[in-house]
Protein backbone atom coordinates (compact mmCIF):
# COMPACT_ATOMS: atom_id res chain seq x y z
CA MET A 1 0.00 0.00 0.00
CA LYS A 2 1.28 3.44 -0.90
CA LYS A 3 2.14 5.97 1.79
CA VAL A 4 0.20 9.23 1.53
CA TYR A 5 1.00 12.42 3.44
CA LEU A 6 -0.95 15.62 3.94
CA CYS A 7 -0.61 18.61 6.26
CA MET A 8 -3.42 20.26 8.25
CA SER A 9 -3.44 23.33 10.46
CA THR A 10 -7.07 24.31 10.93
CA ASP A 11 -9.17 24.76 14.06
CA ILE A 12 -12.29 24.03 11.95
CA ILE A 13 -12.78 20.73 10.14
CA GLN A 14 -14.95 21.45 7.09
CA THR A 15 -16.18 19.54 4.04
CA GLY A 16 -13.12 20.47 2.00
CA HIS A 17 -10.80 18.84 4.54
CA ILE A 18 -12.90 15.66 4.59
CA ASN A 19 -12.79 15.55 0.78
CA VAL A 20 -8.98 15.68 0.83
CA ILE A 21 -8.74 12.97 3.50
CA GLU A 22 -11.19 10.70 1.65
CA LYS A 23 -9.22 11.10 -1.58
CA ALA A 24 -5.96 10.43 0.28
CA ALA A 25 -7.42 7.25 1.84
CA GLU A 26 -8.35 5.97 -1.61
CA LEU A 27 -4.70 6.31 -2.63
CA GLY A 28 -3.09 4.57 0.34
CA GLU A 29 -2.27 4.73 4.06
CA VAL A 30 -2.77 8.29 5.28
CA THR A 31 -0.43 10.17 7.61
CA VAL A 32 -1.51 13.69 8.58
CA GLY A 33 1.09 16.20 9.70
CA VAL A 34 -0.51 18.68 12.09
CA LEU A 35 1.23 22.03 11.88
CA SER A 36 2.53 23.23 15.25
CA ASP A 37 1.09 26.35 16.88
CA LYS A 38 4.17 28.42 16.09
CA TYR A 39 3.94 27.83 12.36
CA VAL A 40 0.17 28.17 12.13
CA ALA A 41 0.61 31.64 13.65
CA MET A 42 3.14 32.54 10.96
CA TYR A 43 0.54 32.58 8.22
CA GLU A 44 -2.80 32.64 10.03
CA LYS A 45 -4.07 33.69 13.45
CA TYR A 46 -2.68 31.88 16.46
CA PRO A 47 -4.81 28.71 16.77
CA ILE A 48 -7.52 28.66 19.41
CA LEU A 49 -7.12 24.92 19.95
CA PRO A 50 -3.64 23.86 21.09
CA LEU A 51 -1.64 21.39 19.03
CA GLU A 52 -2.52 18.37 21.20
CA GLU A 53 -6.27 18.94 20.80
CA ARG A 54 -6.02 19.49 17.05
CA MET A 55 -4.04 16.25 16.73
CA ARG A 56 -6.62 14.33 18.72
CA ILE A 57 -9.47 15.59 16.52
CA ILE A 58 -7.69 14.68 13.29
CA GLN A 59 -6.60 11.27 14.61
CA ASN A 60 -10.26 10.37 15.04
CA ILE A 61 -11.29 11.22 11.47
CA LYS A 62 -12.12 8.16 9.37
CA GLY A 63 -9.36 7.41 6.88
CA VAL A 64 -6.49 8.80 8.97
CA SER A 65 -3.99 6.09 9.95
CA LYS A 66 -1.39 8.19 11.76
CA VAL A 67 -0.90 11.72 13.03
CA VAL A 68 2.48 13.44 13.44
CA VAL A 69 3.66 16.95 14.26
CA GLN A 70 4.91 19.08 11.36
CA ASN A 71 7.31 21.59 12.86
CA ASP A 72 7.81 23.80 9.83
CA ILE A 73 5.74 25.46 7.14
CA TYR A 74 8.05 23.74 4.70
CA TYR A 75 7.58 19.98 4.41
CA ASP A 76 11.26 19.14 3.80
CA GLU A 77 12.18 17.55 7.12
CA ILE A 78 9.00 15.58 7.74
CA ILE A 79 8.62 14.13 4.23
CA ARG A 80 12.31 13.23 4.05
CA GLU A 81 11.77 11.32 7.29
CA LEU A 82 8.55 9.58 6.17
CA LYS A 83 9.36 9.32 2.43
CA PRO A 84 5.71 9.18 1.29
CA ASP A 85 4.87 8.01 -2.21
CA ILE A 86 2.27 10.76 -2.47
CA VAL A 87 1.75 14.19 -0.93
CA ILE A 88 -1.80 15.45 -1.38
CA HIS A 89 -3.01 19.05 -1.13
CA GLY A 90 -5.76 21.30 -2.41
CA ASP A 91 -4.99 23.33 -5.52
CA ASN A 92 -5.16 26.62 -3.61
CA TRP A 93 -1.40 27.03 -3.05
CA THR A 94 -0.14 27.74 -6.55
CA ASP A 95 0.44 31.44 -5.87
CA GLY A 96 1.05 33.78 -2.95
CA TYR A 97 3.35 32.93 -0.06
CA GLN A 98 2.38 29.23 -0.20
CA LYS A 99 3.81 28.85 -3.72
CA ALA A 100 7.33 28.64 -2.27
CA VAL A 101 6.17 25.81 0.01
CA ARG A 102 4.63 23.96 -2.95
CA ASP A 103 7.78 24.34 -5.05
CA ARG A 104 9.91 22.88 -2.25
CA VAL A 105 7.55 19.89 -1.84
CA ILE A 106 7.91 19.06 -5.53
CA GLU A 107 11.69 19.42 -5.32
CA VAL A 108 12.04 17.15 -2.27
CA LEU A 109 9.62 14.49 -3.59
CA ALA A 110 11.75 14.24 -6.74
CA GLU A 111 14.60 12.85 -4.61
CA TRP A 112 12.83 9.44 -4.44
CA GLY A 113 10.27 9.72 -7.21
CA GLY A 114 7.38 10.83 -5.01
CA GLU A 115 4.29 12.48 -6.47
CA LEU A 116 2.31 15.60 -5.59
CA ILE A 117 -1.43 15.25 -6.21
CA GLU A 118 -3.59 18.36 -6.04
CA ILE A 119 -7.36 18.20 -5.87
CA PRO A 120 -9.80 21.08 -6.48
CA TYR A 121 -10.07 23.23 -3.37
CA TYR A 122 -13.56 23.13 -1.91
CA LYS A 123 -14.85 25.66 0.58
CA SER A 124 -18.20 25.04 2.23
CA SER A 125 -20.78 27.73 1.50
CA ASN A 126 -21.43 28.06 5.24
CA LEU A 127 -17.77 28.13 6.25
CA HIS A 128 -17.78 31.91 6.57
CA LEU A 129 -20.27 31.57 9.43
CA PHE A 130 -17.86 29.35 11.35
CA GLU A 131 -14.89 31.55 10.46
CA ASN A 132 -16.73 34.63 11.71
CA ALA A 133 -17.62 32.83 14.94
CA MET A 134 -14.01 31.73 15.40
CA SER A 135 -12.77 35.24 14.68
CA GLU A 136 -15.12 36.66 17.29
CA SER A 137 -14.09 34.04 19.84
CA ARG A 138 -10.44 35.03 19.39
CA GLY A 139 -11.37 38.40 20.84
CA LEU A 140 -12.73 36.89 24.06
CA PRO A 141 -10.58 37.84 27.06
CA GLU A 142 -9.78 34.29 28.15
CA VAL A 143 -8.83 33.22 24.62
CA ARG A 144 -6.44 36.18 24.34
CA ARG A 145 -4.86 35.27 27.68
CA GLN A 146 -4.41 31.63 26.72
CA VAL A 147 -2.75 32.67 23.46
CA LEU A 148 -0.31 34.88 25.37
CA ARG A 149 0.57 32.11 27.81
CA ARG A 150 0.93 29.43 25.13
CA LYS A 151 3.07 31.57 22.84
CA ILE A 152 5.42 32.52 25.68
CA CYS A 153 5.75 28.87 26.68
CA SER A 154 6.58 27.92 23.08
CA GLY A 155 10.01 29.53 23.31
CA GLU A 156 9.31 31.88 20.41
CA VAL A 157 9.60 35.65 20.73
CA PHE A 158 6.22 37.28 21.38
CA LYS A 159 6.25 40.51 19.33
CA VAL A 160 4.22 43.39 20.77
CA MET A 161 3.51 46.77 19.14
CA VAL A 162 2.10 49.81 20.89
CA ALA A 163 -1.39 51.15 20.20
CA TYR A 164 -3.05 54.14 21.84
CA ASP A 165 -6.48 54.28 20.15
CA GLY A 166 -8.77 52.22 17.96
CA LEU A 167 -7.12 53.25 14.68
CA SER A 168 -3.56 52.48 15.75
CA ALA A 169 -4.80 49.19 17.23
CA LEU A 170 -6.41 48.27 13.90
CA LEU A 171 -3.05 48.79 12.21
CA VAL A 172 -1.36 46.42 14.66
CA GLU A 173 -4.18 43.90 14.30
CA LYS A 174 -4.33 43.89 10.49
CA THR A 175 -0.75 44.53 9.36
CA SER A 176 1.18 41.54 8.08
CA ILE A 177 3.87 40.91 5.48
CA GLU A 178 4.96 37.89 3.49
CA LYS A 179 8.69 37.18 3.63
CA ASP A 180 10.79 34.04 3.18
CA GLY A 181 7.70 31.91 2.67
CA GLU A 182 6.02 32.99 5.89
CA ARG A 183 3.52 35.55 7.04
CA ARG A 184 4.83 37.93 9.70
CA GLN A 185 2.57 39.82 12.07
CA PHE A 186 2.51 41.17 15.60
CA ASP A 187 1.43 38.88 18.40
CA GLY A 188 0.11 41.40 20.90
CA ILE A 189 -0.69 45.03 21.69
CA TRP A 190 0.97 47.27 24.28
CA ILE A 191 -1.09 50.03 25.87
CA SER A 192 1.57 52.46 27.01
CA SER A 193 1.06 55.07 29.69
CA LEU A 194 3.51 57.35 27.82
CA CYS A 195 1.55 57.16 24.57
CA ASP A 196 -1.82 57.22 26.31
CA SER A 197 -0.81 60.37 28.19
CA THR A 198 0.89 62.08 25.24
CA ALA A 199 -2.05 61.39 22.91
CA LYS A 200 -4.26 63.15 25.46
CA GLY A 201 -1.85 66.10 25.68
CA LYS A 202 -0.77 65.22 29.22
CA PRO A 203 2.71 64.60 30.71
CA ASP A 204 3.80 61.05 31.51
CA ILE A 205 3.55 61.35 35.30
CA GLU A 206 0.55 59.08 36.07
CA LEU A 207 -1.67 62.14 35.62
CA VAL A 208 -4.20 60.39 33.36
CA ASP A 209 -6.47 58.42 35.66
CA LEU A 210 -7.49 54.80 35.19
CA THR A 211 -11.04 55.66 34.13
CA SER A 212 -9.70 57.65 31.19
CA ARG A 213 -7.20 54.94 30.28
CA LEU A 214 -9.92 52.29 30.41
CA ASN A 215 -11.67 54.13 27.58
CA SER A 216 -8.57 53.44 25.47
CA VAL A 217 -8.63 49.78 26.53
CA ASN A 218 -12.29 49.50 25.52
CA ASP A 219 -11.69 51.12 22.12
CA ILE A 220 -8.78 48.77 21.43
CA MET A 221 -10.56 45.65 22.69
CA GLU A 222 -13.47 46.39 20.36
CA VAL A 223 -11.43 46.26 17.13
CA THR A 224 -8.78 43.62 17.91
CA THR A 225 -8.32 39.97 18.85
CA LYS A 226 -4.67 40.01 19.97
CA PRO A 227 -3.58 39.81 23.63
CA ILE A 228 -3.28 43.20 25.33
CA ILE A 229 -0.47 44.05 27.75
CA PHE A 230 -1.26 47.09 29.90
CA ASP A 231 1.35 49.50 31.24
CA ALA A 232 0.11 50.24 34.77
CA ASP A 233 3.08 52.45 35.77
CA THR A 234 3.77 51.91 39.49
CA GLY A 235 0.35 50.41 40.12
CA GLY A 236 -0.29 53.14 42.69
CA LEU A 237 -1.12 52.37 46.30
CA VAL A 238 -1.38 48.68 47.15
CA GLU A 239 -4.91 49.28 48.44
CA HIS A 240 -5.90 50.80 45.07
CA PHE A 241 -3.97 48.33 42.92
CA VAL A 242 -6.00 45.32 44.07
CA TYR A 243 -9.17 46.98 42.76
CA ASN A 244 -7.58 48.32 39.59
CA ILE A 245 -6.15 44.96 38.55
CA LYS A 246 -9.60 43.38 38.95
CA THR A 247 -11.02 46.08 36.69
CA LEU A 248 -8.33 45.52 34.06
CA GLU A 249 -8.94 41.78 34.17
CA ARG A 250 -12.69 42.32 33.78
CA MET A 251 -12.08 44.65 30.81
CA GLY A 252 -10.23 41.89 28.97
CA VAL A 253 -6.56 42.82 29.42
CA SER A 254 -4.23 39.80 29.20
CA ALA A 255 -1.31 41.07 31.30
CA VAL A 256 -0.39 44.03 33.49
CA ILE A 257 3.13 45.37 34.01
CA ILE A 258 3.96 47.40 37.12
CA GLU A 259 7.31 49.09 37.80
CA ASP A 260 9.20 49.13 41.09
CA LYS A 261 9.31 52.91 41.63
CA ILE A 262 7.65 55.14 44.19
CA GLY A 263 6.81 58.83 44.38
CA LEU A 264 6.00 61.04 41.41
CA LYS A 265 6.35 58.89 38.32
CA ARG A 266 8.83 60.15 35.69
CA ASN A 267 9.62 58.42 32.43
CA SER A 268 12.34 55.82 32.90
CA LEU A 269 14.35 56.90 29.86
CA LEU A 270 15.12 60.17 31.67
CA GLY A 271 17.17 58.08 34.12
CA ASN A 272 18.98 60.00 36.84
CA ASP A 273 18.57 63.31 35.01
CA VAL A 274 15.38 63.67 37.04
CA GLU A 275 14.53 62.62 40.58
CA GLN A 276 13.31 59.02 40.62
CA HIS A 277 13.14 56.59 43.53
CA GLN A 278 13.07 52.81 43.45
CA ASP A 279 10.67 50.98 45.72
CA SER A 280 11.97 48.66 48.43
CA ILE A 281 11.97 44.97 47.59
CA GLU A 282 9.70 44.22 50.55
CA HIS A 283 7.05 46.79 49.65
CA PHE A 284 6.98 45.91 45.96
CA CYS A 285 6.70 42.21 46.80
CA GLU A 286 3.68 43.03 48.93
CA LYS A 287 2.09 44.80 45.94
CA ILE A 288 2.74 41.74 43.77
CA ARG A 289 1.30 39.34 46.36
CA GLU A 290 -1.84 41.39 46.88
CA GLY A 291 -2.28 41.85 43.13
CA LYS A 292 -2.01 38.10 42.52
CA LYS A 293 -4.60 37.41 45.22
CA ALA A 294 -7.02 39.76 43.48
CA ILE A 295 -6.72 38.08 40.07
CA GLY A 296 -9.44 35.57 39.20
CA SER A 297 -8.10 34.05 35.97
CA SER A 298 -5.18 31.63 36.11
CA ALA A 299 -4.11 32.85 32.64
CA PHE A 300 -3.94 36.56 33.54
CA MET A 301 -0.30 37.64 33.93
CA LEU A 302 1.18 40.10 36.42
CA ILE A 303 4.64 41.17 35.28
CA ALA A 304 7.13 43.03 37.48
CA ARG A 305 9.23 45.73 35.83
CA ILE A 306 12.69 46.27 37.33
CA GLU A 307 14.24 49.76 37.19
CA SER A 308 17.67 48.89 38.62
CA LEU A 309 19.51 49.40 35.33
CA ILE A 310 17.63 52.63 34.64
CA LEU A 311 18.76 54.01 38.02
CA ASP A 312 22.36 52.72 37.69
CA GLN A 313 21.99 50.14 40.46
CA GLY A 314 23.52 47.37 38.38
CA VAL A 315 22.73 43.84 37.25
CA ASP A 316 23.30 42.28 40.68
CA ASP A 317 20.58 44.45 42.21
CA ALA A 318 18.26 43.64 39.31
CA LEU A 319 18.82 39.90 39.78
CA GLU A 320 18.18 40.11 43.52
CA ARG A 321 14.92 41.90 42.86
CA ALA A 322 13.90 39.51 40.08
CA LYS A 323 14.33 36.50 42.36
CA ALA A 324 12.25 38.15 45.10
CA TYR A 325 9.52 39.29 42.71
CA VAL A 326 9.14 35.82 41.19
CA GLU A 327 8.93 34.29 44.66
CA ALA A 328 6.21 36.85 45.48
CA GLY A 329 4.19 35.59 42.51
CA ALA A 330 5.23 37.62 39.45
CA ASP A 331 4.52 35.74 36.22
CA GLY A 332 7.21 37.60 34.34
CA ILE A 333 10.07 40.06 34.71
CA MET A 334 10.47 43.13 32.53
CA ILE A 335 14.06 44.34 32.65
CA HIS A 336 14.40 47.93 31.45
CA SER A 337 17.48 49.81 30.27
CA ARG A 338 18.29 53.18 28.73
CA ALA A 339 21.69 52.06 27.44
CA LYS A 340 22.34 52.08 23.70
CA SER A 341 24.04 48.69 23.98
CA PRO A 342 22.11 45.52 24.88
CA ASP A 343 25.03 44.14 26.92
CA GLU A 344 23.51 44.65 30.38
CA ILE A 345 20.16 43.27 29.21
CA PHE A 346 21.84 40.15 27.83
CA GLU A 347 23.92 39.76 30.99
CA PHE A 348 20.79 39.95 33.12
CA ALA A 349 18.90 37.47 30.93
CA ASP A 350 21.76 34.95 30.82
CA ARG A 351 22.36 35.05 34.56
CA PHE A 352 18.63 34.96 35.36
CA ARG A 353 18.22 31.86 33.19
CA GLU A 354 20.94 30.05 35.16
CA THR A 355 18.45 29.58 38.00
CA ASP A 356 15.06 30.26 36.39
CA LYS A 357 14.25 28.56 33.10
CA ASP A 358 10.53 29.31 33.01
CA THR A 359 9.63 32.84 34.12
CA ALA A 360 8.96 35.12 31.15
CA ILE A 361 11.52 37.85 30.44
CA VAL A 362 10.20 41.02 28.80
CA VAL A 363 12.31 43.74 27.15
CA VAL A 364 11.64 47.13 25.55
CA PRO A 365 14.46 47.86 23.06
CA THR A 366 13.75 51.57 22.56
CA THR A 367 17.38 52.61 23.03
CA TYR A 368 19.19 49.41 21.98
CA ASN A 369 17.10 49.22 18.83
CA GLN A 370 19.78 47.57 16.67
CA VAL A 371 19.04 44.14 18.20
CA ARG A 372 17.02 41.70 16.10
CA GLU A 373 14.39 39.42 17.59
CA SER A 374 16.53 36.37 16.79
CA GLU A 375 19.22 37.69 19.17
CA PHE A 376 16.69 38.11 21.96
CA LYS A 377 15.59 34.52 21.38
CA GLU A 378 19.21 33.33 21.72
CA HIS A 379 19.24 34.85 25.22
CA LYS A 380 15.91 33.17 26.12
CA ILE A 381 13.99 36.46 26.17
CA ASN A 382 10.28 35.84 25.63
CA VAL A 383 8.55 39.16 24.94
CA VAL A 384 9.78 42.14 22.91
CA ILE A 385 7.70 45.33 23.19
CA TYR A 386 7.99 48.11 20.62
CA ALA A 387 6.68 50.58 23.13
CA ASN A 388 6.19 53.99 21.52
CA HIS A 389 6.94 53.86 17.81
CA MET A 390 3.42 54.39 16.45
CA LEU A 391 2.99 57.73 18.21
CA ARG A 392 6.55 58.82 17.46
CA ALA A 393 5.88 58.12 13.78
CA ALA A 394 2.48 59.83 13.74
CA PHE A 395 3.52 63.16 15.27
CA PRO A 396 6.18 64.13 12.67
CA ALA A 397 3.77 63.24 9.86
CA MET A 398 1.01 65.42 11.34
CA GLN A 399 3.48 68.21 12.09
CA LYS A 400 4.63 68.19 8.45
CA VAL A 401 1.05 68.57 7.23
CA VAL A 402 0.06 71.45 9.52
CA THR A 403 3.33 73.27 8.75
CA SER A 404 2.73 72.86 5.01
CA VAL A 405 -0.76 74.37 5.27
CA LEU A 406 0.61 77.39 7.15
CA GLU A 407 3.47 77.89 4.70
CA ASN A 408 1.37 77.60 1.54
CA GLU A 409 -1.92 79.04 2.80
CA ARG A 410 -3.69 76.09 1.22
CA CYS A 411 -3.84 72.31 1.63
CA TYR A 412 -2.84 71.28 -1.92
CA GLU A 413 0.80 70.53 -1.03
CA ALA A 414 -0.16 68.81 2.21
CA SER A 415 -2.53 66.50 0.33
CA GLN A 416 0.46 64.76 -1.24
CA ASP A 417 1.33 63.41 2.23
CA CYS A 418 -2.23 62.35 3.04
CA MET A 419 -4.44 59.38 2.29
CA SER A 420 -7.19 60.02 -0.21
CA ILE A 421 -10.66 60.81 1.09
CA LYS A 422 -11.85 57.58 -0.52
CA ASP A 423 -9.22 55.56 1.34
CA ILE A 424 -9.93 57.16 4.72
CA LEU A 425 -13.66 56.50 4.30
CA SER A 426 -13.02 52.85 3.47
CA LEU A 427 -10.37 52.38 6.17
CA VAL A 428 -12.98 51.32 8.70
CA PRO A 429 -15.85 49.93 6.60
CA VAL A 430 -19.45 49.78 7.78
CA GLU A 431 -20.25 46.09 8.30
């Protein structure tokens, strides 16, 4: 009997998938490679069902003899291992980013005379109803939180981009590119106190109250499905923090980051040029413990941000604090730095990992922006937050337009730097 191989990645089993499996079973013994979560996320949304559950579902479909994990979008490794006589696929991958995958399959199969069989792609007329339901479910708070947890545990870098209103959040949600045979997109959204404050014309000193900031959370939740990480500054008084974290959890936030400073909050990148004071380990641990007690969801993350490097206290102090904060219940450690070199960040991460292999490490490479995500992964860093770039990009563009109107006493020249009216009207369609 011939060996037949096909790959599946879906959360939804539809008629088209059954057709492919039935055809494969007619040709021989069927092995299905289930694409791992990491690689599904590279060209689709992060799967709602984890790999183990998707494998179990497919294993129980009539006609499937064996289920294996496919750990790459490209089939090279798995089909070289299995050496199937036939690889079967729908005919919907002859162009776009999947064409490169198809070409490689044909090339590898030629090594032993294997055959690629493509059958007409069939999409159920009612599939859009299920897809819409799945899309809506991805926006549910608990689904977002599970995605954040699972992606961090996968060992891959969780890429987070800032958003400060519904429009910027839509950009983060929808933007993706195709490169090297994969689809790249952001994994999560950062709601920054700096950007939230600046967008409201206020200084970044914890002046904007939580009620106002929750309006931003609500606007962003409404138009996105990605996990949201909320910048809660110092968290305020312990007695207030326990209520505020409950509110943020109820609003749908996936994780909260609080920093170990006290007194009037000043932006960390100002360093010792302004007066800033670091909290005591004991007091900040109490805030973490009380915050964790207040949280209802096991998937909701409380992340402790360490300011030791910002305030020139050194890596040793940062490591001492990290150990204490994790023992107090922190789900992750954000290590912040204003240095232009990543050396102290990498030193912290490497030394922290000597004794703690599991706790998430979060970085914000605003100043050491030359570092690629692959380098962070090498140092076992889990989350990379691009914390302020959307607002920093928007302001110069707006400034250029208003200056042009003043200089020319008309808007003709400025229009060259603007979207068309048609495009802006269709940017957020009425559905």
